[in-house]
Amino acid sequence: MVPRRQDLMGLEHEDYLWEPIRHIDNVRIQFLEEEIEYYNTLIEDRNCGHIHTTIDFLRQRIKNLAGKKEWPFVK
């Protein structure tokens, strides 16, 4: 049974029904972008190198999920 449009829980893309992996990656990307926004609020003048490192790592992960870069930690 295909859900009706009003049952899609506010998701913008209907094609997720046919491409579940792509949908999951889009949700992950959205979550990671929200995390980056939050981490940016934590940056202060000093002692925040670990936050910058985390943000850079998350940006690389987003590129991977978007298909723009190969994930280096795959065997």
PDB file of N, CA and C in Angstrom:
ATOM      1  N   MET A   1       0.831  -1.177   0.000  1.00  0.00           N
ATOM      2  CA  MET A   1       0.000   0.000   0.000  1.00  0.00           C
ATOM      3  C   MET A   1       0.880   1.247   0.000  1.00  0.00           C
ATOM      4  N   VAL A   2       0.639   2.141  -0.912  1.00  0.00           N
ATOM      5  CA  VAL A   2       1.396   3.387  -1.014  1.00  0.00           C
ATOM      6  C   VAL A   2       0.697   4.434  -0.151  1.00  0.00           C
ATOM      7  N   PRO A   3       1.455   5.097   0.749  1.00  0.00           N
ATOM      8  CA  PRO A   3       0.819   6.100   1.606  1.00  0.00           C
ATOM      9  C   PRO A   3       0.310   7.285   0.808  1.00  0.00           C
ATOM     10  N   ARG A   4      -0.771   7.878   1.286  1.00  0.00           N
ATOM     11  CA  ARG A   4      -1.307   9.085   0.659  1.00  0.00           C
ATOM     12  C   ARG A   4      -0.377  10.253   0.961  1.00  0.00           C
ATOM     13  N   ARG A   5      -0.467  11.294   0.175  1.00  0.00           N
ATOM     14  CA  ARG A   5       0.418  12.456   0.325  1.00  0.00           C
ATOM     15  C   ARG A   5       0.332  13.034   1.729  1.00  0.00           C
ATOM     16  N   GLN A   6      -0.860  13.120   2.315  1.00  0.00           N
ATOM     17  CA  GLN A   6      -0.990  13.702   3.644  1.00  0.00           C
ATOM     18  C   GLN A   6      -0.400  12.800   4.731  1.00  0.00           C
ATOM     19  N   ASP A   7      -0.088  11.547   4.401  1.00  0.00           N
ATOM     20  CA  ASP A   7       0.496  10.622   5.372  1.00  0.00           C
ATOM     21  C   ASP A   7       2.021  10.580   5.312  1.00  0.00           C
ATOM     22  N   LEU A   8       2.641  11.466   4.545  1.00  0.00           N
ATOM     23  CA  LEU A   8       4.091  11.419   4.357  1.00  0.00           C
ATOM     24  C   LEU A   8       4.852  12.091   5.487  1.00  0.00           C
ATOM     25  N   MET A   9       4.183  12.540   6.532  1.00  0.00           N
ATOM     26  CA  MET A   9       4.802  13.121   7.729  1.00  0.00           C
ATOM     27  C   MET A   9       5.655  14.337   7.427  1.00  0.00           C
ATOM     28  N   GLY A  10       5.243  15.163   6.485  1.00  0.00           N
ATOM     29  CA  GLY A  10       5.941  16.407   6.223  1.00  0.00           C
ATOM     30  C   GLY A  10       7.216  16.294   5.410  1.00  0.00           C
ATOM     31  N   LEU A  11       7.541  15.128   4.915  1.00  0.00           N
ATOM     32  CA  LEU A  11       8.761  14.973   4.123  1.00  0.00           C
ATOM     33  C   LEU A  11       8.553  15.581   2.748  1.00  0.00           C
ATOM     34  N   GLU A  12       9.553  16.343   2.281  1.00  0.00           N
ATOM     35  CA  GLU A  12       9.406  17.083   1.034  1.00  0.00           C
ATOM     36  C   GLU A  12       9.429  16.192  -0.209  1.00  0.00           C
ATOM     37  N   HIS A  13      10.130  15.092  -0.160  1.00  0.00           N
ATOM     38  CA  HIS A  13      10.374  14.296  -1.360  1.00  0.00           C
ATOM     39  C   HIS A  13       9.522  13.034  -1.358  1.00  0.00           C
ATOM     40  N   GLU A  14       8.686  12.892  -2.373  1.00  0.00           N
ATOM     41  CA  GLU A  14       7.890  11.679  -2.494  1.00  0.00           C
ATOM     42  C   GLU A  14       8.716  10.525  -3.045  1.00  0.00           C
ATOM     43  N   ASP A  15       9.793  10.831  -3.742  1.00  0.00           N
ATOM     44  CA  ASP A  15      10.588   9.753  -4.357  1.00  0.00           C
ATOM     45  C   ASP A  15      11.301   8.896  -3.311  1.00  0.00           C
ATOM     46  N   TYR A  16      11.237   9.288  -2.033  1.00  0.00           N
ATOM     47  CA  TYR A  16      11.870   8.454  -1.006  1.00  0.00           C
ATOM     48  C   TYR A  16      11.202   7.095  -0.922  1.00  0.00           C
ATOM     49  N   LEU A  17       9.954   7.007  -1.369  1.00  0.00           N
ATOM     50  CA  LEU A  17       9.273   5.718  -1.351  1.00  0.00           C
ATOM     51  C   LEU A  17       9.973   4.712  -2.252  1.00  0.00           C
ATOM     52  N   TRP A  18      10.610   5.222  -3.298  1.00  0.00           N
ATOM     53  CA  TRP A  18      11.255   4.354  -4.274  1.00  0.00           C
ATOM     54  C   TRP A  18      12.751   4.255  -4.056  1.00  0.00           C
ATOM     55  N   GLU A  19      13.298   5.179  -3.305  1.00  0.00           N
ATOM     56  CA  GLU A  19      14.741   5.175  -3.063  1.00  0.00           C
ATOM     57  C   GLU A  19      15.010   5.353  -1.571  1.00  0.00           C
ATOM     58  N   PRO A  20      14.764   4.299  -0.772  1.00  0.00           N
ATOM     59  CA  PRO A  20      14.901   4.449   0.683  1.00  0.00           C
ATOM     60  C   PRO A  20      16.313   4.802   1.136  1.00  0.00           C
ATOM     61  N   ILE A  21      17.333   4.311   0.464  1.00  0.00           N
ATOM     62  CA  ILE A  21      18.699   4.630   0.866  1.00  0.00           C
ATOM     63  C   ILE A  21      18.974   6.113   0.675  1.00  0.00           C
ATOM     64  N   ARG A  22      18.548   6.641  -0.459  1.00  0.00           N
ATOM     65  CA  ARG A  22      18.739   8.069  -0.722  1.00  0.00           C
ATOM     66  C   ARG A  22      18.009   8.907   0.324  1.00  0.00           C
ATOM     67  N   HIS A  23      16.829   8.495   0.695  1.00  0.00           N
ATOM     68  CA  HIS A  23      16.061   9.212   1.705  1.00  0.00           C
ATOM     69  C   HIS A  23      16.803   9.207   3.044  1.00  0.00           C
ATOM     70  N   ILE A  24      17.307   8.060   3.424  1.00  0.00           N
ATOM     71  CA  ILE A  24      18.037   7.961   4.691  1.00  0.00           C
ATOM     72  C   ILE A  24      19.262   8.861   4.656  1.00  0.00           C
ATOM     73  N   ASP A  25      19.977   8.883   3.540  1.00  0.00           N
ATOM     74  CA  ASP A  25      21.138   9.766   3.418  1.00  0.00           C
ATOM     75  C   ASP A  25      20.735  11.228   3.508  1.00  0.00           C
ATOM     76  N   ASN A  26      19.595  11.597   2.914  1.00  0.00           N
ATOM     77  CA  ASN A  26      19.126  12.981   3.004  1.00  0.00           C
ATOM     78  C   ASN A  26      18.799  13.365   4.437  1.00  0.00           C
ATOM     79  N   VAL A  27      18.218  12.439   5.194  1.00  0.00           N
ATOM     80  CA  VAL A  27      17.926  12.695   6.604  1.00  0.00           C
ATOM     81  C   VAL A  27      19.233  12.852   7.381  1.00  0.00           C
ATOM     82  N   ARG A  28      20.199  12.000   7.086  1.00  0.00           N
ATOM     83  CA  ARG A  28      21.503  12.108   7.752  1.00  0.00           C
ATOM     84  C   ARG A  28      22.162  13.443   7.450  1.00  0.00           C
ATOM     85  N   ILE A  29      22.123  13.859   6.194  1.00  0.00           N
ATOM     86  CA  ILE A  29      22.716  15.142   5.804  1.00  0.00           C
ATOM     87  C   ILE A  29      22.044  16.283   6.553  1.00  0.00           C
ATOM     88  N   GLN A  30      20.722  16.267   6.604  1.00  0.00           N
ATOM     89  CA  GLN A  30      20.000  17.321   7.306  1.00  0.00           C
ATOM     90  C   GLN A  30      20.394  17.353   8.784  1.00  0.00           C
ATOM     91  N   PHE A  31      20.469  16.191   9.409  1.00  0.00           N
ATOM     92  CA  PHE A  31      20.868  16.109  10.808  1.00  0.00           C
ATOM     93  C   PHE A  31      22.285  16.649  11.010  1.00  0.00           C
ATOM     94  N   LEU A  32      23.216  16.248  10.150  1.00  0.00           N
ATOM     95  CA  LEU A  32      24.595  16.698  10.286  1.00  0.00           C
ATOM     96  C   LEU A  32      24.713  18.207  10.080  1.00  0.00           C
ATOM     97  N   GLU A  33      23.940  18.758   9.141  1.00  0.00           N
ATOM     98  CA  GLU A  33      23.961  20.210   8.933  1.00  0.00           C
ATOM     99  C   GLU A  33      23.447  20.949  10.163  1.00  0.00           C
ATOM    100  N   GLU A  34      22.423  20.393  10.818  1.00  0.00           N
ATOM    101  CA  GLU A  34      21.922  20.997  12.050  1.00  0.00           C
ATOM    102  C   GLU A  34      22.971  20.911  13.168  1.00  0.00           C
ATOM    103  N   GLU A  35      23.678  19.805  13.236  1.00  0.00           N
ATOM    104  CA  GLU A  35      24.742  19.663  14.231  1.00  0.00           C
ATOM    105  C   GLU A  35      25.847  20.687  13.994  1.00  0.00           C
ATOM    106  N   ILE A  36      26.226  20.903  12.734  1.00  0.00           N
ATOM    107  CA  ILE A  36      27.255  21.892  12.408  1.00  0.00           C
ATOM    108  C   ILE A  36      26.808  23.280  12.855  1.00  0.00           C
ATOM    109  N   GLU A  37      25.547  23.603  12.601  1.00  0.00           N
ATOM    110  CA  GLU A  37      25.031  24.908  13.044  1.00  0.00           C
ATOM    111  C   GLU A  37      25.161  25.051  14.561  1.00  0.00           C
ATOM    112  N   TYR A  38      24.835  24.001  15.284  1.00  0.00           N
ATOM    113  CA  TYR A  38      24.948  24.042  16.747  1.00  0.00           C
ATOM    114  C   TYR A  38      26.411  24.187  17.180  1.00  0.00           C
ATOM    115  N   TYR A  39      27.296  23.387  16.593  1.00  0.00           N
ATOM    116  CA  TYR A  39      28.707  23.452  16.974  1.00  0.00           C
ATOM    117  C   TYR A  39      29.303  24.825  16.683  1.00  0.00           C
ATOM    118  N   ASN A  40      28.826  25.476  15.632  1.00  0.00           N
ATOM    119  CA  ASN A  40      29.302  26.834  15.339  1.00  0.00           C
ATOM    120  C   ASN A  40      28.957  27.811  16.461  1.00  0.00           C
ATOM    121  N   THR A  41      27.868  27.562  17.178  1.00  0.00           N
ATOM    122  CA  THR A  41      27.501  28.440  18.292  1.00  0.00           C
ATOM    123  C   THR A  41      28.413  28.246  19.493  1.00  0.00           C
ATOM    124  N   LEU A  42      29.136  27.150  19.527  1.00  0.00           N
ATOM    125  CA  LEU A  42      30.013  26.852  20.671  1.00  0.00           C
ATOM    126  C   LEU A  42      31.415  27.427  20.516  1.00  0.00           C
ATOM    127  N   ILE A  43      31.755  27.909  19.339  1.00  0.00           N
ATOM    128  CA  ILE A  43      33.106  28.391  19.074  1.00  0.00           C
ATOM    129  C   ILE A  43      33.362  29.687  19.828  1.00  0.00           C
ATOM    130  N   GLU A  44      34.476  29.697  20.543  1.00  0.00           N
ATOM    131  CA  GLU A  44      34.914  30.881  21.280  1.00  0.00           C
ATOM    132  C   GLU A  44      36.272  31.315  20.750  1.00  0.00           C
ATOM    133  N   ASP A  45      36.850  32.328  21.370  1.00  0.00           N
ATOM    134  CA  ASP A  45      38.134  32.858  20.913  1.00  0.00           C
ATOM    135  C   ASP A  45      39.291  31.884  21.116  1.00  0.00           C
ATOM    136  N   ARG A  46      39.221  31.044  22.128  1.00  0.00           N
ATOM    137  CA  ARG A  46      40.341  30.154  22.463  1.00  0.00           C
ATOM    138  C   ARG A  46      39.875  28.729  22.734  1.00  0.00           C
ATOM    139  N   ASN A  47      40.805  27.817  22.589  1.00  0.00           N
ATOM    140  CA  ASN A  47      40.619  26.419  22.981  1.00  0.00           C
ATOM    141  C   ASN A  47      39.405  25.756  22.326  1.00  0.00           C
ATOM    142  N   CYS A  48      39.236  25.968  21.045  1.00  0.00           N
ATOM    143  CA  CYS A  48      38.096  25.377  20.333  1.00  0.00           C
ATOM    144  C   CYS A  48      38.534  24.567  19.117  1.00  0.00           C
ATOM    145  N   GLY A  49      39.789  24.182  19.091  1.00  0.00           N
ATOM    146  CA  GLY A  49      40.284  23.413  17.950  1.00  0.00           C
ATOM    147  C   GLY A  49      39.535  22.117  17.751  1.00  0.00           C
ATOM    148  N   HIS A  50      39.137  21.474  18.848  1.00  0.00           N
ATOM    149  CA  HIS A  50      38.403  20.213  18.736  1.00  0.00           C
ATOM    150  C   HIS A  50      37.045  20.424  18.081  1.00  0.00           C
ATOM    151  N   ILE A  51      36.439  21.587  18.296  1.00  0.00           N
ATOM    152  CA  ILE A  51      35.151  21.876  17.658  1.00  0.00           C
ATOM    153  C   ILE A  51      35.348  22.096  16.161  1.00  0.00           C
ATOM    154  N   HIS A  52      36.398  22.820  15.797  1.00  0.00           N
ATOM    155  CA  HIS A  52      36.697  23.028  14.369  1.00  0.00           C
ATOM    156  C   HIS A  52      36.977  21.693  13.681  1.00  0.00           C
ATOM    157  N   THR A  53      37.703  20.821  14.355  1.00  0.00           N
ATOM    158  CA  THR A  53      38.000  19.500  13.803  1.00  0.00           C
ATOM    159  C   THR A  53      36.714  18.710  13.581  1.00  0.00           C
ATOM    160  N   THR A  54      35.822  18.752  14.557  1.00  0.00           N
ATOM    161  CA  THR A  54      34.544  18.047  14.442  1.00  0.00           C
ATOM    162  C   THR A  54      33.723  18.581  13.275  1.00  0.00           C
ATOM    163  N   ILE A  55      33.660  19.895  13.139  1.00  0.00           N
ATOM    164  CA  ILE A  55      32.906  20.510  12.047  1.00  0.00           C
ATOM    165  C   ILE A  55      33.482  20.100  10.697  1.00  0.00           C
ATOM    166  N   ASP A  56      34.801  20.119  10.570  1.00  0.00           N
ATOM    167  CA  ASP A  56      35.434  19.704   9.312  1.00  0.00           C
ATOM    168  C   ASP A  56      35.127  18.246   8.994  1.00  0.00           C
ATOM    169  N   PHE A  57      35.171  17.388  10.012  1.00  0.00           N
ATOM    170  CA  PHE A  57      34.870  15.974   9.816  1.00  0.00           C
ATOM    171  C   PHE A  57      33.426  15.789   9.352  1.00  0.00           C
ATOM    172  N   LEU A  58      32.502  16.506   9.971  1.00  0.00           N
ATOM    173  CA  LEU A  58      31.093  16.392   9.590  1.00  0.00           C
ATOM    174  C   LEU A  58      30.858  16.905   8.174  1.00  0.00           C
ATOM    175  N   ARG A  59      31.563  17.946   7.781  1.00  0.00           N
ATOM    176  CA  ARG A  59      31.440  18.453   6.403  1.00  0.00           C
ATOM    177  C   ARG A  59      31.918  17.416   5.390  1.00  0.00           C
ATOM    178  N   GLN A  60      32.991  16.707   5.719  1.00  0.00           N
ATOM    179  CA  GLN A  60      33.475  15.645   4.844  1.00  0.00           C
ATOM    180  C   GLN A  60      32.458  14.512   4.747  1.00  0.00           C
ATOM    181  N   ARG A  61      31.826  14.199   5.870  1.00  0.00           N
ATOM    182  CA  ARG A  61      30.811  13.148   5.886  1.00  0.00           C
ATOM    183  C   ARG A  61      29.607  13.549   5.020  1.00  0.00           C
ATOM    184  N   ILE A  62      29.223  14.814   5.070  1.00  0.00           N
ATOM    185  CA  ILE A  62      28.125  15.302   4.241  1.00  0.00           C
ATOM    186  C   ILE A  62      28.477  15.156   2.762  1.00  0.00           C
ATOM    187  N   LYS A  63      29.706  15.510   2.399  1.00  0.00           N
ATOM    188  CA  LYS A  63      30.137  15.360   1.006  1.00  0.00           C
ATOM    189  C   LYS A  63      30.061  13.898   0.580  1.00  0.00           C
ATOM    190  N   ASN A  64      30.439  13.010   1.478  1.00  0.00           N
ATOM    191  CA  ASN A  64      30.370  11.587   1.179  1.00  0.00           C
ATOM    192  C   ASN A  64      28.941  11.136   0.961  1.00  0.00           C
ATOM    193  N   LEU A  65      28.051  11.518   1.849  1.00  0.00           N
ATOM    194  CA  LEU A  65      26.652  11.108   1.732  1.00  0.00           C
ATOM    195  C   LEU A  65      25.991  11.695   0.492  1.00  0.00           C
ATOM    196  N   ALA A  66      26.443  12.874   0.074  1.00  0.00           N
ATOM    197  CA  ALA A  66      25.896  13.511  -1.124  1.00  0.00           C
ATOM    198  C   ALA A  66      26.490  12.926  -2.402  1.00  0.00           C
ATOM    199  N   GLY A  67      27.467  12.030  -2.265  1.00  0.00           N
ATOM    200  CA  GLY A  67      28.065  11.393  -3.420  1.00  0.00           C
ATOM    201  C   GLY A  67      29.178  12.188  -4.066  1.00  0.00           C
ATOM    202  N   LYS A  68      29.665  13.203  -3.385  1.00  0.00           N
ATOM    203  CA  LYS A  68      30.705  14.058  -3.957  1.00  0.00           C
ATOM    204  C   LYS A  68      32.112  13.612  -3.594  1.00  0.00           C
ATOM    205  N   LYS A  69      32.225  12.719  -2.621  1.00  0.00           N
ATOM    206  CA  LYS A  69      33.552  12.287  -2.194  1.00  0.00           C
ATOM    207  C   LYS A  69      33.448  10.867  -1.623  1.00  0.00           C
ATOM    208  N   GLU A  70      34.472  10.060  -1.881  1.00  0.00           N
ATOM    209  CA  GLU A  70      34.485   8.699  -1.367  1.00  0.00           C
ATOM    210  C   GLU A  70      34.825   8.710   0.121  1.00  0.00           C
ATOM    211  N   TRP A  71      34.139   7.883   0.894  1.00  0.00           N
ATOM    212  CA  TRP A  71      34.387   7.788   2.324  1.00  0.00           C
ATOM    213  C   TRP A  71      35.677   7.000   2.544  1.00  0.00           C
ATOM    214  N   PRO A  72      36.663   7.607   3.224  1.00  0.00           N
ATOM    215  CA  PRO A  72      37.984   6.978   3.328  1.00  0.00           C
ATOM    216  C   PRO A  72      38.054   5.809   4.298  1.00  0.00           C
ATOM    217  N   PHE A  73      37.017   5.583   5.105  1.00  0.00           N
ATOM    218  CA  PHE A  73      37.111   4.565   6.147  1.00  0.00           C
ATOM    219  C   PHE A  73      36.402   3.276   5.782  1.00  0.00           C
ATOM    220  N   VAL A  74      36.234   3.019   4.495  1.00  0.00           N
ATOM    221  CA  VAL A  74      35.598   1.798   4.026  1.00  0.00           C
ATOM    222  C   VAL A  74      36.682   0.815   3.633  1.00  0.00           C
ATOM    223  N   LYS A  75      36.555  -0.419   4.097  1.00  0.00           N
ATOM    224  CA  LYS A  75      37.556  -1.441   3.758  1.00  0.00           C
ATOM    225  C   LYS A  75      37.215  -2.087   2.443  1.00  0.00           C
TER     226      LYS A  75
END
